[in-house]
Amino acid sequence: MNEREFIKTLQERAKEQEKLITSMPLPGIFSSVSLWFGNHPLRIVIPLSLILTLVLRAIFGPSYDNVILAVFGKL
């Protein structure tokens, strides 16, 4: 495969992906959210981990520290 065929194949795939995105419901929201998460993944990971920690602490109570040490102590 030469360079011209490779570029043509890439352009065809890009057109197929564009058609797929535009056929989805709310394509503008999907593309903006996916670009935002792709550029800033820590904006969702850090709050999610904080919420998960608070939920687990509410479930396990004071023994939460021991549970975390038991889980990660085996690694």
N, C-alpha and C. Protein backbone atom coordinates (compact mmCIF):
# COMPACT_ATOMS: atom_id res chain seq x y z
N MET A 1 0.85 -1.16 0.00
CA MET A 1 0.00 0.00 0.00
C MET A 1 0.90 1.24 0.00
N ASN A 2 0.66 2.09 -0.94
CA ASN A 2 1.47 3.31 -1.00
C ASN A 2 0.82 4.41 -0.17
N GLU A 3 1.47 5.54 -0.14
CA GLU A 3 1.03 6.65 0.71
C GLU A 3 -0.33 7.19 0.28
N ARG A 4 -0.57 7.26 -1.00
CA ARG A 4 -1.84 7.79 -1.51
C ARG A 4 -3.02 6.90 -1.09
N GLU A 5 -2.84 5.59 -1.21
CA GLU A 5 -3.91 4.67 -0.80
C GLU A 5 -4.14 4.73 0.70
N PHE A 6 -3.06 4.86 1.46
CA PHE A 6 -3.17 4.95 2.92
C PHE A 6 -3.96 6.19 3.33
N ILE A 7 -3.66 7.32 2.73
CA ILE A 7 -4.37 8.56 3.05
C ILE A 7 -5.84 8.45 2.64
N LYS A 8 -6.10 7.83 1.51
CA LYS A 8 -7.48 7.64 1.05
C LYS A 8 -8.25 6.76 2.04
N THR A 9 -7.61 5.70 2.52
CA THR A 9 -8.25 4.83 3.50
C THR A 9 -8.55 5.58 4.80
N LEU A 10 -7.60 6.40 5.25
CA LEU A 10 -7.83 7.19 6.46
C LEU A 10 -8.98 8.17 6.29
N GLN A 11 -9.06 8.79 5.13
CA GLN A 11 -10.16 9.73 4.88
C GLN A 11 -11.51 9.02 4.87
N GLU A 12 -11.55 7.82 4.29
CA GLU A 12 -12.79 7.05 4.27
C GLU A 12 -13.23 6.68 5.69
N ARG A 13 -12.27 6.28 6.52
CA ARG A 13 -12.60 5.93 7.90
C ARG A 13 -13.06 7.15 8.68
N ALA A 14 -12.45 8.28 8.43
CA ALA A 14 -12.87 9.51 9.11
C ALA A 14 -14.30 9.88 8.72
N LYS A 15 -14.65 9.70 7.43
CA LYS A 15 -16.01 9.98 6.98
C LYS A 15 -17.01 9.03 7.63
N GLU A 16 -16.63 7.75 7.79
CA GLU A 16 -17.51 6.78 8.43
C GLU A 16 -17.73 7.15 9.89
N GLN A 17 -16.68 7.55 10.58
CA GLN A 17 -16.82 7.95 11.98
C GLN A 17 -17.67 9.21 12.11
N GLU A 18 -17.51 10.14 11.19
CA GLU A 18 -18.31 11.36 11.22
C GLU A 18 -19.79 11.03 11.02
N LYS A 19 -20.08 10.10 10.10
CA LYS A 19 -21.47 9.68 9.89
C LYS A 19 -22.02 9.02 11.14
N LEU A 20 -21.21 8.22 11.81
CA LEU A 20 -21.65 7.55 13.03
C LEU A 20 -21.97 8.56 14.12
N ILE A 21 -21.12 9.56 14.27
CA ILE A 21 -21.34 10.56 15.31
C ILE A 21 -22.57 11.41 15.01
N THR A 22 -22.76 11.77 13.75
CA THR A 22 -23.93 12.59 13.42
C THR A 22 -25.23 11.80 13.49
N SER A 23 -25.16 10.48 13.36
CA SER A 23 -26.38 9.67 13.45
C SER A 23 -26.78 9.41 14.90
N MET A 24 -25.90 9.67 15.85
CA MET A 24 -26.21 9.46 17.26
C MET A 24 -27.15 10.55 17.74
N PRO A 25 -27.96 10.22 18.77
CA PRO A 25 -28.79 11.28 19.34
C PRO A 25 -27.90 12.27 20.08
N LEU A 26 -28.19 13.53 19.92
CA LEU A 26 -27.43 14.62 20.54
C LEU A 26 -25.93 14.56 20.20
N PRO A 27 -25.57 14.61 18.91
CA PRO A 27 -24.17 14.50 18.52
C PRO A 27 -23.30 15.63 19.05
N GLY A 28 -23.87 16.82 19.19
CA GLY A 28 -23.08 17.94 19.69
C GLY A 28 -22.64 17.73 21.13
N ILE A 29 -23.55 17.23 21.94
CA ILE A 29 -23.23 16.96 23.34
C ILE A 29 -22.21 15.83 23.43
N PHE A 30 -22.40 14.78 22.65
CA PHE A 30 -21.47 13.65 22.68
C PHE A 30 -20.06 14.08 22.31
N SER A 31 -19.93 14.83 21.24
CA SER A 31 -18.59 15.22 20.79
C SER A 31 -17.93 16.18 21.78
N SER A 32 -18.69 17.11 22.33
CA SER A 32 -18.09 18.06 23.27
C SER A 32 -17.70 17.37 24.58
N VAL A 33 -18.54 16.47 25.07
CA VAL A 33 -18.23 15.75 26.31
C VAL A 33 -17.05 14.82 26.11
N SER A 34 -17.00 14.11 25.00
CA SER A 34 -15.88 13.19 24.77
C SER A 34 -14.57 13.95 24.60
N LEU A 35 -14.60 15.09 23.93
CA LEU A 35 -13.39 15.89 23.81
C LEU A 35 -12.97 16.44 25.17
N TRP A 36 -13.93 16.86 25.98
CA TRP A 36 -13.63 17.42 27.29
C TRP A 36 -13.01 16.35 28.20
N PHE A 37 -13.61 15.14 28.21
CA PHE A 37 -13.05 14.06 29.02
C PHE A 37 -11.71 13.59 28.48
N GLY A 38 -11.54 13.64 27.18
CA GLY A 38 -10.26 13.22 26.59
C GLY A 38 -9.13 14.17 26.95
N ASN A 39 -9.44 15.45 27.06
CA ASN A 39 -8.40 16.42 27.40
C ASN A 39 -8.20 16.57 28.89
N HIS A 40 -9.23 16.30 29.69
CA HIS A 40 -9.16 16.52 31.14
C HIS A 40 -9.74 15.33 31.90
N PRO A 41 -9.12 14.15 31.83
CA PRO A 41 -9.71 12.98 32.49
C PRO A 41 -9.70 13.09 34.01
N LEU A 42 -8.79 13.87 34.58
CA LEU A 42 -8.74 13.97 36.04
C LEU A 42 -9.91 14.76 36.60
N ARG A 43 -10.59 15.53 35.76
CA ARG A 43 -11.75 16.28 36.23
C ARG A 43 -12.90 15.36 36.61
N ILE A 44 -12.92 14.15 36.09
CA ILE A 44 -13.96 13.20 36.48
C ILE A 44 -13.40 12.15 37.43
N VAL A 45 -12.14 11.78 37.31
CA VAL A 45 -11.57 10.73 38.14
C VAL A 45 -11.46 11.18 39.59
N ILE A 46 -10.99 12.37 39.83
CA ILE A 46 -10.79 12.84 41.20
C ILE A 46 -12.12 13.01 41.95
N PRO A 47 -13.13 13.70 41.40
CA PRO A 47 -14.41 13.77 42.13
C PRO A 47 -15.07 12.41 42.32
N LEU A 48 -14.95 11.53 41.32
CA LEU A 48 -15.52 10.20 41.44
C LEU A 48 -14.86 9.41 42.55
N SER A 49 -13.54 9.51 42.67
CA SER A 49 -12.84 8.79 43.74
C SER A 49 -13.21 9.37 45.11
N LEU A 50 -13.39 10.68 45.19
CA LEU A 50 -13.80 11.30 46.45
C LEU A 50 -15.19 10.82 46.86
N ILE A 51 -16.12 10.77 45.93
CA ILE A 51 -17.48 10.30 46.22
C ILE A 51 -17.46 8.84 46.63
N LEU A 52 -16.68 8.02 45.92
CA LEU A 52 -16.57 6.60 46.26
C LEU A 52 -15.99 6.41 47.66
N THR A 53 -14.98 7.21 48.00
CA THR A 53 -14.39 7.13 49.33
C THR A 53 -15.41 7.49 50.41
N LEU A 54 -16.19 8.54 50.18
CA LEU A 54 -17.20 8.94 51.16
C LEU A 54 -18.28 7.87 51.32
N VAL A 55 -18.68 7.25 50.23
CA VAL A 55 -19.70 6.20 50.29
C VAL A 55 -19.16 4.99 51.05
N LEU A 56 -17.93 4.57 50.74
CA LEU A 56 -17.36 3.42 51.43
C LEU A 56 -17.14 3.70 52.91
N ARG A 57 -16.74 4.93 53.23
CA ARG A 57 -16.55 5.29 54.64
C ARG A 57 -17.90 5.27 55.37
N ALA A 58 -18.97 5.67 54.69
CA ALA A 58 -20.30 5.62 55.31
C ALA A 58 -20.75 4.18 55.51
N ILE A 59 -20.38 3.29 54.60
CA ILE A 59 -20.78 1.89 54.72
C ILE A 59 -19.99 1.18 55.80
N PHE A 60 -18.66 1.30 55.78
CA PHE A 60 -17.80 0.55 56.69
C PHE A 60 -17.55 1.26 58.02
N GLY A 61 -17.80 2.55 58.07
CA GLY A 61 -17.60 3.29 59.31
C GLY A 61 -16.12 3.41 59.68
N PRO A 62 -15.82 3.33 60.97
CA PRO A 62 -14.43 3.50 61.41
C PRO A 62 -13.47 2.41 60.91
N SER A 63 -14.00 1.27 60.53
CA SER A 63 -13.12 0.19 60.07
C SER A 63 -12.74 0.33 58.60
N TYR A 64 -13.10 1.45 57.99
CA TYR A 64 -12.79 1.69 56.58
C TYR A 64 -11.29 1.62 56.32
N ASP A 65 -10.50 2.20 57.23
CA ASP A 65 -9.05 2.18 57.06
C ASP A 65 -8.51 0.76 57.05
N ASN A 66 -9.04 -0.08 57.90
CA ASN A 66 -8.59 -1.48 57.95
C ASN A 66 -8.97 -2.23 56.68
N VAL A 67 -10.14 -1.93 56.14
CA VAL A 67 -10.57 -2.58 54.90
C VAL A 67 -9.64 -2.18 53.76
N ILE A 68 -9.33 -0.90 53.65
CA ILE A 68 -8.45 -0.41 52.58
C ILE A 68 -7.05 -1.02 52.73
N LEU A 69 -6.55 -1.09 53.95
CA LEU A 69 -5.23 -1.71 54.18
C LEU A 69 -5.26 -3.19 53.85
N ALA A 70 -6.36 -3.86 54.12
CA ALA A 70 -6.48 -5.29 53.80
C ALA A 70 -6.50 -5.49 52.29
N VAL A 71 -7.21 -4.62 51.57
CA VAL A 71 -7.29 -4.77 50.11
C VAL A 71 -5.93 -4.48 49.46
N PHE A 72 -5.32 -3.33 49.80
CA PHE A 72 -4.10 -2.97 49.15
C PHE A 72 -2.86 -3.59 49.79
N GLY A 73 -3.01 -4.17 50.94
CA GLY A 73 -1.89 -4.87 51.57
C GLY A 73 -1.57 -6.17 50.87
N LYS A 74 -2.55 -6.74 50.15
CA LYS A 74 -2.35 -8.01 49.43
C LYS A 74 -1.73 -7.81 48.06
N LEU A 75 -1.66 -6.58 47.61
CA LEU A 75 -1.09 -6.34 46.28
C LEU A 75 0.35 -6.48 46.35
